[in-house]
Each structure stands twice: as structure tokens, then as C-alpha cells.
C-alpha atoms as a PDB file:
ATOM      1  CA  MET A   1     119.919 146.639  67.517  1.00  0.00           C
ATOM      2  CA  SER A   2     118.142 148.452  64.730  1.00  0.00           C
ATOM      3  CA  THR A   3     116.648 151.904  65.129  1.00  0.00           C
ATOM      4  CA  PRO A   4     112.871 152.280  64.736  1.00  0.00           C
ATOM      5  CA  ASN A   5     113.482 154.146  61.450  1.00  0.00           C
ATOM      6  CA  GLU A   6     115.667 151.327  60.079  1.00  0.00           C
ATOM      7  CA  VAL A   7     113.037 148.749  61.032  1.00  0.00           C
ATOM      8  CA  SER A   8     110.273 150.862  59.499  1.00  0.00           C
ATOM      9  CA  ASP A   9     112.298 151.295  56.294  1.00  0.00           C
ATOM     10  CA  ILE A  10     112.724 147.532  55.933  1.00  0.00           C
ATOM     11  CA  LEU A  11     109.088 146.742  56.755  1.00  0.00           C
ATOM     12  CA  ASN A  12     107.796 149.334  54.278  1.00  0.00           C
ATOM     13  CA  ARG A  13     109.653 147.868  51.276  1.00  0.00           C
ATOM     14  CA  PRO A  14     107.343 146.337  48.639  1.00  0.00           C
ATOM     15  CA  LEU A  15     108.669 142.798  49.183  1.00  0.00           C
ATOM     16  CA  SER A  16     108.286 143.123  52.964  1.00  0.00           C
ATOM     17  CA  ARG A  17     104.688 144.283  52.511  1.00  0.00           C
ATOM     18  CA  GLU A  18     104.057 141.269  50.266  1.00  0.00           C
ATOM     19  CA  LEU A  19     105.457 138.911  52.908  1.00  0.00           C
ATOM     20  CA  LEU A  20     103.551 140.666  55.713  1.00  0.00           C
ATOM     21  CA  ALA A  21     100.329 139.982  53.770  1.00  0.00           C
ATOM     22  CA  ARG A  22     100.878 136.207  54.062  1.00  0.00           C
ATOM     23  CA  ASP A  23      99.029 134.006  56.568  1.00  0.00           C
ATOM     24  CA  MET A  24     101.764 132.041  58.328  1.00  0.00           C
ATOM     25  CA  THR A  25     104.900 132.867  60.251  1.00  0.00           C
ATOM     26  CA  ARG A  26     107.243 130.761  62.320  1.00  0.00           C
ATOM     27  CA  LEU A  27     107.403 131.928  65.916  1.00  0.00           C
ATOM     28  CA  ALA A  28     110.633 131.124  67.754  1.00  0.00           C
ATOM     29  CA  TYR A  29     110.894 131.478  71.525  1.00  0.00           C
ATOM     30  CA  VAL A  30     112.784 130.020  74.467  1.00  0.00           C
ATOM     31  CA  ALA A  31     111.085 127.382  76.624  1.00  0.00           C
ATOM     32  CA  LYS A  32     111.324 127.349  80.432  1.00  0.00           C
ATOM     33  CA  ASP A  33     114.081 124.725  80.253  1.00  0.00           C
ATOM     34  CA  GLY A  34     116.179 127.045  78.054  1.00  0.00           C
ATOM     35  CA  THR A  35     115.732 125.063  74.841  1.00  0.00           C
ATOM     36  CA  PRO A  36     114.449 126.736  71.652  1.00  0.00           C
ATOM     37  CA  ARG A  37     110.978 126.232  70.210  1.00  0.00           C
ATOM     38  CA  ASN A  38     109.746 127.161  66.736  1.00  0.00           C
ATOM     39  CA  VAL A  39     106.077 126.844  65.814  1.00  0.00           C
ATOM     40  CA  PRO A  40     104.108 127.797  62.713  1.00  0.00           C
ATOM     41  CA  ILE A  41     101.281 130.170  63.562  1.00  0.00           C
ATOM     42  CA  GLY A  42      98.838 132.354  61.681  1.00  0.00           C
ATOM     43  CA  PHE A  43      99.342 136.103  61.921  1.00  0.00           C
ATOM     44  CA  LYS A  44      97.971 139.466  60.877  1.00  0.00           C
ATOM     45  CA  TRP A  45     100.122 142.576  60.259  1.00  0.00           C
ATOM     46  CA  ASN A  46      98.277 145.715  61.346  1.00  0.00           C
ATOM     47  CA  GLY A  47     100.815 148.209  60.025  1.00  0.00           C
ATOM     48  CA  SER A  48     102.925 148.381  63.179  1.00  0.00           C
ATOM     49  CA  GLU A  49     102.539 145.042  64.963  1.00  0.00           C
ATOM     50  CA  ILE A  50     102.329 141.362  64.166  1.00  0.00           C
ATOM     51  CA  VAL A  51      99.322 139.848  65.903  1.00  0.00           C
ATOM     52  CA  MET A  52      99.021 136.095  66.429  1.00  0.00           C
ATOM     53  CA  CYS A  53      96.141 134.461  68.276  1.00  0.00           C
ATOM     54  CA  THR A  54      96.136 131.243  70.262  1.00  0.00           C
ATOM     55  CA  ALA A  55      94.103 129.239  72.733  1.00  0.00           C
ATOM     56  CA  THR A  56      94.264 130.361  76.363  1.00  0.00           C
ATOM     57  CA  ASN A  57      95.676 126.947  77.321  1.00  0.00           C
ATOM     58  CA  ALA A  58      98.468 126.912  74.702  1.00  0.00           C
ATOM     59  CA  PRO A  59     101.758 125.719  76.258  1.00  0.00           C
ATOM     60  CA  LYS A  60     103.744 128.507  74.544  1.00  0.00           C
ATOM     61  CA  LEU A  61     102.036 131.153  76.688  1.00  0.00           C
ATOM     62  CA  ALA A  62     103.795 130.128  79.918  1.00  0.00           C
ATOM     63  CA  HIS A  63     107.154 130.296  78.109  1.00  0.00           C
ATOM     64  CA  LEU A  64     106.376 133.700  76.582  1.00  0.00           C
ATOM     65  CA  ARG A  65     105.333 135.090  79.973  1.00  0.00           C
ATOM     66  CA  ARG A  66     108.674 133.977  81.410  1.00  0.00           C
ATOM     67  CA  ASN A  67     110.777 135.211  78.471  1.00  0.00           C
ATOM     68  CA  PRO A  68     108.977 137.434  75.941  1.00  0.00           C
ATOM     69  CA  ALA A  69     111.901 137.641  73.470  1.00  0.00           C
ATOM     70  CA  VAL A  70     110.821 136.187  70.112  1.00  0.00           C
ATOM     71  CA  ALA A  71     111.967 135.859  66.515  1.00  0.00           C
ATOM     72  CA  LEU A  72     109.682 135.484  63.511  1.00  0.00           C
ATOM     73  CA  THR A  73     110.340 134.182  60.008  1.00  0.00           C
ATOM     74  CA  ILE A  74     107.954 134.840  57.130  1.00  0.00           C
ATOM     75  CA  ASP A  75     109.086 133.247  53.887  1.00  0.00           C
ATOM     76  CA  THR A  76     108.119 131.875  50.502  1.00  0.00           C
ATOM     77  CA  GLU A  77     108.311 128.319  49.219  1.00  0.00           C
ATOM     78  CA  VAL A  78     110.048 129.136  45.920  1.00  0.00           C
ATOM     79  CA  HIS A  79     113.687 129.293  44.856  1.00  0.00           C
ATOM     80  CA  PRO A  80     115.277 131.598  45.594  1.00  0.00           C
ATOM     81  CA  PRO A  81     113.258 132.087  48.762  1.00  0.00           C
ATOM     82  CA  LYS A  82     112.202 135.520  49.981  1.00  0.00           C
ATOM     83  CA  LEU A  83     112.655 135.895  53.736  1.00  0.00           C
ATOM     84  CA  LEU A  84     111.578 138.465  56.284  1.00  0.00           C
ATOM     85  CA  LEU A  85     113.243 138.010  59.662  1.00  0.00           C
ATOM     86  CA  ILE A  86     111.844 139.939  62.628  1.00  0.00           C
ATOM     87  CA  ARG A  87     112.738 140.159  66.309  1.00  0.00           C
ATOM     88  CA  GLY A  88     110.763 141.703  69.126  1.00  0.00           C
ATOM     89  CA  ARG A  89     109.032 141.084  72.430  1.00  0.00           C
ATOM     90  CA  ALA A  90     105.716 139.312  72.797  1.00  0.00           C
ATOM     91  CA  GLU A  91     102.968 141.075  74.703  1.00  0.00           C
ATOM     92  CA  LEU A  92     100.078 138.844  75.714  1.00  0.00           C
ATOM     93  CA  ASP A  93      96.517 140.122  75.732  1.00  0.00           C
ATOM     94  CA  VAL A  94      93.650 137.835  76.825  1.00  0.00           C
ATOM     95  CA  VAL A  95      90.491 138.645  74.874  1.00  0.00           C
ATOM     96  CA  ASP A  96      86.936 137.423  75.474  1.00  0.00           C
ATOM     97  CA  GLY A  97      85.585 135.663  72.407  1.00  0.00           C
ATOM     98  CA  ILE A  98      87.470 135.628  69.101  1.00  0.00           C
ATOM     99  CA  PRO A  99      89.825 138.513  68.229  1.00  0.00           C
ATOM    100  CA  ASP A 100      89.093 140.208  64.911  1.00  0.00           C
ATOM    101  CA  GLU A 101      92.673 139.481  63.795  1.00  0.00           C
ATOM    102  CA  TYR A 102      92.059 135.744  64.106  1.00  0.00           C
ATOM    103  CA  LEU A 103      89.036 135.899  61.843  1.00  0.00           C
ATOM    104  CA  ASP A 104      90.863 138.227  59.417  1.00  0.00           C
ATOM    105  CA  MET A 105      94.075 136.203  59.225  1.00  0.00           C
ATOM    106  CA  ASN A 106      92.189 133.067  58.330  1.00  0.00           C
ATOM    107  CA  GLY A 107      90.164 134.873  55.688  1.00  0.00           C
ATOM    108  CA  SER A 108      92.595 134.245  52.840  1.00  0.00           C
ATOM    109  CA  TYR A 109      92.436 130.456  52.991  1.00  0.00           C
ATOM    110  CA  GLN A 110      90.477 128.962  50.122  1.00  0.00           C
ATOM    111  CA  MET A 111      86.953 128.459  51.466  1.00  0.00           C
ATOM    112  CA  THR A 112      83.576 128.720  49.880  1.00  0.00           C
ATOM    113  CA  PRO A 113      81.190 131.167  51.599  1.00  0.00           C
ATOM    114  CA  GLU A 114      79.365 128.178  53.085  1.00  0.00           C
ATOM    115  CA  GLN A 115      82.623 126.689  54.408  1.00  0.00           C
ATOM    116  CA  ARG A 116      83.536 130.071  55.864  1.00  0.00           C
ATOM    117  CA  VAL A 117      80.248 130.314  57.778  1.00  0.00           C
ATOM    118  CA  GLU A 118      80.700 126.769  59.095  1.00  0.00           C
ATOM    119  CA  TRP A 119      84.343 127.400  60.064  1.00  0.00           C
ATOM    120  CA  GLU A 120      83.518 130.625  61.908  1.00  0.00           C
ATOM    121  CA  ALA A 121      80.633 128.973  63.790  1.00  0.00           C
ATOM    122  CA  GLY A 122      82.977 126.171  64.849  1.00  0.00           C
ATOM    123  CA  VAL A 123      85.620 128.640  66.034  1.00  0.00           C
ATOM    124  CA  ARG A 124      83.082 130.668  68.009  1.00  0.00           C
ATOM    125  CA  SER A 125      81.739 127.528  69.717  1.00  0.00           C
ATOM    126  CA  LEU A 126      85.237 126.249  70.590  1.00  0.00           C
ATOM    127  CA  TYR A 127      86.843 129.357  72.117  1.00  0.00           C
ATOM    128  CA  ASP A 128      85.359 131.355  75.003  1.00  0.00           C
ATOM    129  CA  ALA A 129      88.501 133.490  74.932  1.00  0.00           C
ATOM    130  CA  MET A 130      91.811 133.679  73.096  1.00  0.00           C
ATOM    131  CA  VAL A 131      95.195 135.262  73.683  1.00  0.00           C
ATOM    132  CA  ARG A 132      96.552 137.843  71.278  1.00  0.00           C
ATOM    133  CA  ILE A 133     100.343 137.565  71.010  1.00  0.00           C
ATOM    134  CA  VAL A 134     101.418 141.033  69.866  1.00  0.00           C
ATOM    135  CA  VAL A 135     104.957 141.679  68.603  1.00  0.00           C
ATOM    136  CA  THR A 136     106.248 145.151  67.771  1.00  0.00           C
ATOM    137  CA  PRO A 137     109.316 144.614  65.576  1.00  0.00           C
ATOM    138  CA  THR A 138     112.555 145.932  67.095  1.00  0.00           C
ATOM    139  CA  TRP A 139     114.800 144.410  64.396  1.00  0.00           C
ATOM    140  CA  ALA A 140     114.115 143.304  60.830  1.00  0.00           C
ATOM    141  CA  LYS A 141     116.047 141.916  57.869  1.00  0.00           C
ATOM    142  CA  LEU A 142     114.764 141.268  54.375  1.00  0.00           C
ATOM    143  CA  ILE A 143     116.599 138.685  52.267  1.00  0.00           C
ATOM    144  CA  ASP A 144     115.727 138.143  48.605  1.00  0.00           C
ATOM    145  CA  PHE A 145     118.967 136.422  47.463  1.00  0.00           C
ATOM    146  CA  GLU A 146     119.163 138.931  44.608  1.00  0.00           C
ATOM    147  CA  THR A 147     119.795 142.329  46.206  1.00  0.00           C
ATOM    148  CA  THR A 148     120.150 141.154  49.818  1.00  0.00           C
ATOM    149  CA  LEU A 149     121.848 138.074  51.233  1.00  0.00           C
ATOM    150  CA  PRO A 150     122.384 136.525  54.667  1.00  0.00           C
ATOM    151  CA  SER A 151     125.249 138.381  56.395  1.00  0.00           C
ATOM    152  CA  ALA A 152     127.473 135.258  56.448  1.00  0.00           C
ATOM    153  CA  VAL A 153     127.114 134.841  52.662  1.00  0.00           C
ATOM    154  CA  GLU A 154     127.865 138.553  52.120  1.00  0.00           C
ATOM    155  CA  GLU A 155     130.999 138.153  54.235  1.00  0.00           C
ATOM    156  CA  LEU A 156     132.185 135.144  52.199  1.00  0.00           C
ATOM    157  CA  ILE A 157     131.617 137.004  48.924  1.00  0.00           C
ATOM    158  CA  GLN A 158     133.607 139.995  50.202  1.00  0.00           C
ATOM    159  CA  ARG A 159     136.398 137.717  51.395  1.00  0.00           C
ATOM    160  CA  GLN A 160     136.480 135.977  48.006  1.00  0.00           C
ATOM    161  CA  ALA A 161     136.627 139.343  46.195  1.00  0.00           C
ATOM    162  CA  ARG A 162     139.592 140.475  48.349  1.00  0.00           C
ATOM    163  CA  GLN A 163     141.483 137.237  47.644  1.00  0.00           C
ATOM    164  CA  GLY A 164     140.599 137.006  43.989  1.00  0.00           C
END
């Protein structure tokens, strides 16, 4: 388990901040039957928490209420990929109307002002309430494949250096 200072140090690195400014993460959690689930979901970083918003009838909510342990992956689509891995616990907060984070996180998609107005009107008419899924990171790892690698790859490189 990482200390809060170690997590903060990782999340405050320039590359982490760049990744935390993205729109999509992959949320991994454990379903009631014990099998893993991993879903893409929009998010907003508020400086200390990752906030995701979902419909009040989303199936993932029952699983998160039962087991709030989650893992998040935020990454790039280039080679070598840049990865930010985060673990924490999901706190669920039912909100009347549309949470500000939901409107903010969808603000970076390419839309004309007219499309934006139409999209927001559609969202407001669809949702009477939403659930904010709030994760405070308790563990984080940044992998850029240049200065940081997955731990298994680091171990293989060290083993190779000892043998070579």
C-alpha cells in the first residue's frame, strides 16, 4: 500500500496531470458473482478525487455497493503507451439533476456550440438524478516505458543484468 505522500507525488507529476486531464478511464470492479468487470467511463479529476457519473439504474452500482474496491486505468493510444494506474474505494453519491462534473467531463469532446446546447438539453431531459462515483486514490503507478516500466519488466531486466 502506498502512503498518501507517495500517491500525491505520483499524481502531481507532469505526465500524470496530462493523463488526469483526459476524458476516459477504465473502471475495474468485482461483480456480485466474484468475476471481474472493466468498463470505460468518463471522469473528471478535481485535484484529489476521480469523479465518474452514471445513471441511477446502472448495474455497476449494486456491485460497487457490495464491494467498493476499484482499479482505474487512464492511458494513451500511442506507442509506447503512457499509463496511469490507480486503486481506491468507490463512494457513491446520488445527486438530483446532472452533476457539474458530468457536464465538465464531456466538455472536451469536439462539439459545435449548437451541438453542445442540444447535447446538454438532451442530458437534462433524460436524467432526473445521477450517481457520482468518487474515488480517492490510495495507490498509483505511472508507466511511460521510458523512465518507468511495469514491475515484472523491471524484474526481468534486473535478472538479465545479473546474468549477463
